[in-house]
C-alpha atoms as a PDB file:
ATOM      1  CA  UNK A   1       5.970 -93.248  17.663  1.00  0.00           C
ATOM      2  CA  UNK A   2       6.940 -95.742  14.742  1.00  0.00           C
ATOM      3  CA  UNK A   3       8.875 -93.870  12.717  1.00  0.00           C
ATOM      4  CA  UNK A   4      11.946 -92.546  12.142  1.00  0.00           C
ATOM      5  CA  UNK A   5      11.019 -89.481   9.897  1.00  0.00           C
ATOM      6  CA  UNK A   6       8.190 -87.730  10.249  1.00  0.00           C
ATOM      7  CA  UNK A   7       5.437 -89.009   7.566  1.00  0.00           C
ATOM      8  CA  UNK A   8       1.795 -87.740   6.816  1.00  0.00           C
ATOM      9  CA  UNK A   9      -0.352 -90.430   6.705  1.00  0.00           C
ATOM     10  CA  UNK A  10      -4.217 -90.784   5.892  1.00  0.00           C
ATOM     11  CA  UNK A  11      -6.949 -91.959   8.440  1.00  0.00           C
ATOM     12  CA  UNK A  12     -10.261 -93.353   7.684  1.00  0.00           C
ATOM     13  CA  UNK A  13     -12.121 -90.210   7.732  1.00  0.00           C
ATOM     14  CA  UNK A  14      -9.150 -88.655   5.705  1.00  0.00           C
ATOM     15  CA  UNK A  15      -7.629 -86.687   7.774  1.00  0.00           C
ATOM     16  CA  UNK A  16      -4.066 -86.125   7.726  1.00  0.00           C
ATOM     17  CA  UNK A  17      -1.625 -87.294  11.016  1.00  0.00           C
ATOM     18  CA  UNK A  18       1.842 -87.107  11.165  1.00  0.00           C
ATOM     19  CA  UNK A  19       4.073 -89.846  13.057  1.00  0.00           C
ATOM     20  CA  UNK A  20       7.468 -88.688  15.090  1.00  0.00           C
ATOM     21  CA  UNK A  21       9.591 -90.327  17.293  1.00  0.00           C
ATOM     22  CA  UNK A  22       9.814 -88.842  21.160  1.00  0.00           C
ATOM     23  CA  UNK A  23      12.118 -90.082  23.648  1.00  0.00           C
ATOM     24  CA  UNK A  24      10.893 -90.947  27.111  1.00  0.00           C
ATOM     25  CA  UNK A  25      12.814 -89.552  30.560  1.00  0.00           C
ATOM     26  CA  UNK A  26      12.204 -91.141  33.661  1.00  0.00           C
ATOM     27  CA  UNK A  27      14.075 -88.407  36.189  1.00  0.00           C
ATOM     28  CA  UNK A  28      13.318 -90.770  39.555  1.00  0.00           C
ATOM     29  CA  UNK A  29      13.917 -93.797  37.931  1.00  0.00           C
ATOM     30  CA  UNK A  30      17.279 -94.989  39.484  1.00  0.00           C
ATOM     31  CA  UNK A  31      16.806 -99.165  38.349  1.00  0.00           C
ATOM     32  CA  UNK A  32      18.020 -99.495  34.897  1.00  0.00           C
ATOM     33  CA  UNK A  33      16.070-102.689  34.589  1.00  0.00           C
ATOM     34  CA  UNK A  34      12.516-101.487  35.614  1.00  0.00           C
ATOM     35  CA  UNK A  35      11.410-101.055  32.231  1.00  0.00           C
ATOM     36  CA  UNK A  36      12.350-104.468  30.958  1.00  0.00           C
ATOM     37  CA  UNK A  37      10.589-106.167  33.653  1.00  0.00           C
ATOM     38  CA  UNK A  38       7.508-104.590  33.222  1.00  0.00           C
ATOM     39  CA  UNK A  39       4.810-106.887  32.210  1.00  0.00           C
ATOM     40  CA  UNK A  40       2.021-104.194  30.927  1.00  0.00           C
ATOM     41  CA  UNK A  41       1.863-100.452  30.338  1.00  0.00           C
ATOM     42  CA  UNK A  42      -1.210 -98.155  29.096  1.00  0.00           C
ATOM     43  CA  UNK A  43      -0.316 -94.309  27.666  1.00  0.00           C
ATOM     44  CA  UNK A  44      -3.424 -92.096  27.663  1.00  0.00           C
ATOM     45  CA  UNK A  45      -3.758 -88.583  26.392  1.00  0.00           C
ATOM     46  CA  UNK A  46      -0.066 -88.332  24.565  1.00  0.00           C
ATOM     47  CA  UNK A  47      -2.087 -85.257  22.976  1.00  0.00           C
ATOM     48  CA  UNK A  48      -2.182 -83.396  25.746  1.00  0.00           C
ATOM     49  CA  UNK A  49       0.400 -81.510  27.541  1.00  0.00           C
ATOM     50  CA  UNK A  50       0.471 -83.794  30.277  1.00  0.00           C
ATOM     51  CA  UNK A  51       0.642 -87.625  29.111  1.00  0.00           C
ATOM     52  CA  UNK A  52      -0.238 -90.098  31.976  1.00  0.00           C
ATOM     53  CA  UNK A  53       2.008 -93.320  31.973  1.00  0.00           C
ATOM     54  CA  UNK A  54       1.185 -96.768  33.726  1.00  0.00           C
ATOM     55  CA  UNK A  55       3.721 -99.160  33.985  1.00  0.00           C
ATOM     56  CA  UNK A  56       2.574-101.843  35.938  1.00  0.00           C
ATOM     57  CA  UNK A  57       1.174-100.688  39.558  1.00  0.00           C
ATOM     58  CA  UNK A  58       2.975 -97.552  38.953  1.00  0.00           C
ATOM     59  CA  UNK A  59       1.433 -94.016  37.252  1.00  0.00           C
ATOM     60  CA  UNK A  60       3.506 -91.207  35.857  1.00  0.00           C
ATOM     61  CA  UNK A  61       3.114 -87.896  34.717  1.00  0.00           C
ATOM     62  CA  UNK A  62       4.526 -86.371  31.691  1.00  0.00           C
ATOM     63  CA  UNK A  63       5.361 -82.974  30.432  1.00  0.00           C
ATOM     64  CA  UNK A  64       6.910 -82.147  26.857  1.00  0.00           C
ATOM     65  CA  UNK A  65      10.065 -80.480  26.309  1.00  0.00           C
ATOM     66  CA  UNK A  66      12.257 -79.696  23.217  1.00  0.00           C
ATOM     67  CA  UNK A  67      15.937 -81.718  23.110  1.00  0.00           C
ATOM     68  CA  UNK A  68      18.827 -79.445  22.440  1.00  0.00           C
ATOM     69  CA  UNK A  69      19.673 -80.845  19.328  1.00  0.00           C
ATOM     70  CA  UNK A  70      18.481 -84.009  17.910  1.00  0.00           C
ATOM     71  CA  UNK A  71      18.127 -86.947  19.810  1.00  0.00           C
ATOM     72  CA  UNK A  72      19.453 -90.222  17.837  1.00  0.00           C
ATOM     73  CA  UNK A  73      17.947 -93.299  18.786  1.00  0.00           C
ATOM     74  CA  UNK A  74      19.536 -96.776  18.585  1.00  0.00           C
ATOM     75  CA  UNK A  75      18.421-100.304  19.027  1.00  0.00           C
ATOM     76  CA  UNK A  76      20.630-102.960  19.966  1.00  0.00           C
ATOM     77  CA  UNK A  77      21.045-106.001  16.906  1.00  0.00           C
ATOM     78  CA  UNK A  78      20.999-108.843  19.306  1.00  0.00           C
ATOM     79  CA  UNK A  79      18.247-108.224  21.772  1.00  0.00           C
ATOM     80  CA  UNK A  80      18.382-111.573  23.405  1.00  0.00           C
ATOM     81  CA  UNK A  81      22.127-111.059  23.847  1.00  0.00           C
ATOM     82  CA  UNK A  82      23.061-114.181  22.309  1.00  0.00           C
ATOM     83  CA  UNK A  83      25.656-113.113  20.230  1.00  0.00           C
ATOM     84  CA  UNK A  84      29.323-113.643  21.749  1.00  0.00           C
ATOM     85  CA  UNK A  85      30.720-110.308  19.906  1.00  0.00           C
ATOM     86  CA  UNK A  86      29.453-106.909  20.368  1.00  0.00           C
ATOM     87  CA  UNK A  87      27.300-105.801  17.183  1.00  0.00           C
ATOM     88  CA  UNK A  88      27.028-102.425  16.572  1.00  0.00           C
ATOM     89  CA  UNK A  89      23.535-100.757  17.226  1.00  0.00           C
ATOM     90  CA  UNK A  90      20.942-100.078  14.435  1.00  0.00           C
ATOM     91  CA  UNK A  91      19.978 -96.469  13.966  1.00  0.00           C
ATOM     92  CA  UNK A  92      16.410 -96.187  14.165  1.00  0.00           C
ATOM     93  CA  UNK A  93      15.220 -92.570  14.199  1.00  0.00           C
ATOM     94  CA  UNK A  94      15.568 -89.230  15.711  1.00  0.00           C
ATOM     95  CA  UNK A  95      13.710 -87.272  18.080  1.00  0.00           C
ATOM     96  CA  UNK A  96      13.651 -83.470  18.932  1.00  0.00           C
ATOM     97  CA  UNK A  97      11.029 -83.770  21.326  1.00  0.00           C
ATOM     98  CA  UNK A  98      11.165 -85.563  24.670  1.00  0.00           C
ATOM     99  CA  UNK A  99       8.245 -86.276  27.617  1.00  0.00           C
ATOM    100  CA  UNK A 100       9.664 -86.222  30.816  1.00  0.00           C
ATOM    101  CA  UNK A 101       7.746 -88.619  32.944  1.00  0.00           C
ATOM    102  CA  UNK A 102       7.591 -88.141  37.069  1.00  0.00           C
ATOM    103  CA  UNK A 103       5.702 -90.588  39.319  1.00  0.00           C
ATOM    104  CA  UNK A 104       2.414 -89.638  40.744  1.00  0.00           C
ATOM    105  CA  UNK A 105       0.833 -91.279  43.330  1.00  0.00           C
ATOM    106  CA  UNK A 106      -2.964 -91.195  43.241  1.00  0.00           C
ATOM    107  CA  UNK A 107      -5.302 -91.052  45.884  1.00  0.00           C
ATOM    108  CA  UNK A 108      -9.127 -92.269  46.227  1.00  0.00           C
ATOM    109  CA  UNK A 109     -11.877 -89.308  45.799  1.00  0.00           C
ATOM    110  CA  UNK A 110     -13.540 -88.912  49.219  1.00  0.00           C
ATOM    111  CA  UNK A 111     -17.077 -89.087  48.181  1.00  0.00           C
ATOM    112  CA  UNK A 112     -19.728 -87.466  50.330  1.00  0.00           C
ATOM    113  CA  UNK A 113     -22.934 -89.153  51.122  1.00  0.00           C
END
């Protein structure tokens, strides 16, 4: 998820991997500052049809979807917000896929003795 353009790379075993950017969408997340307040995250199963994302104590299950058209990705030039004028955002890449995440609640398994 670090390249704006898909790029072929080789790992230690000589296998080729393709890197690409993917948008993450959160359906039930209304608090726009939530992600910036998260202290830790874990993303597992990215290569599966339903990746799992843990943000602090919140668990989300995702599904891949195609984007209609191309999603353009931009980053703030001044991430600390110290600039008095609003600099133009910097283009960082594009995406044709997104992962739509929905919050899930985990329940402990009942262990029968």
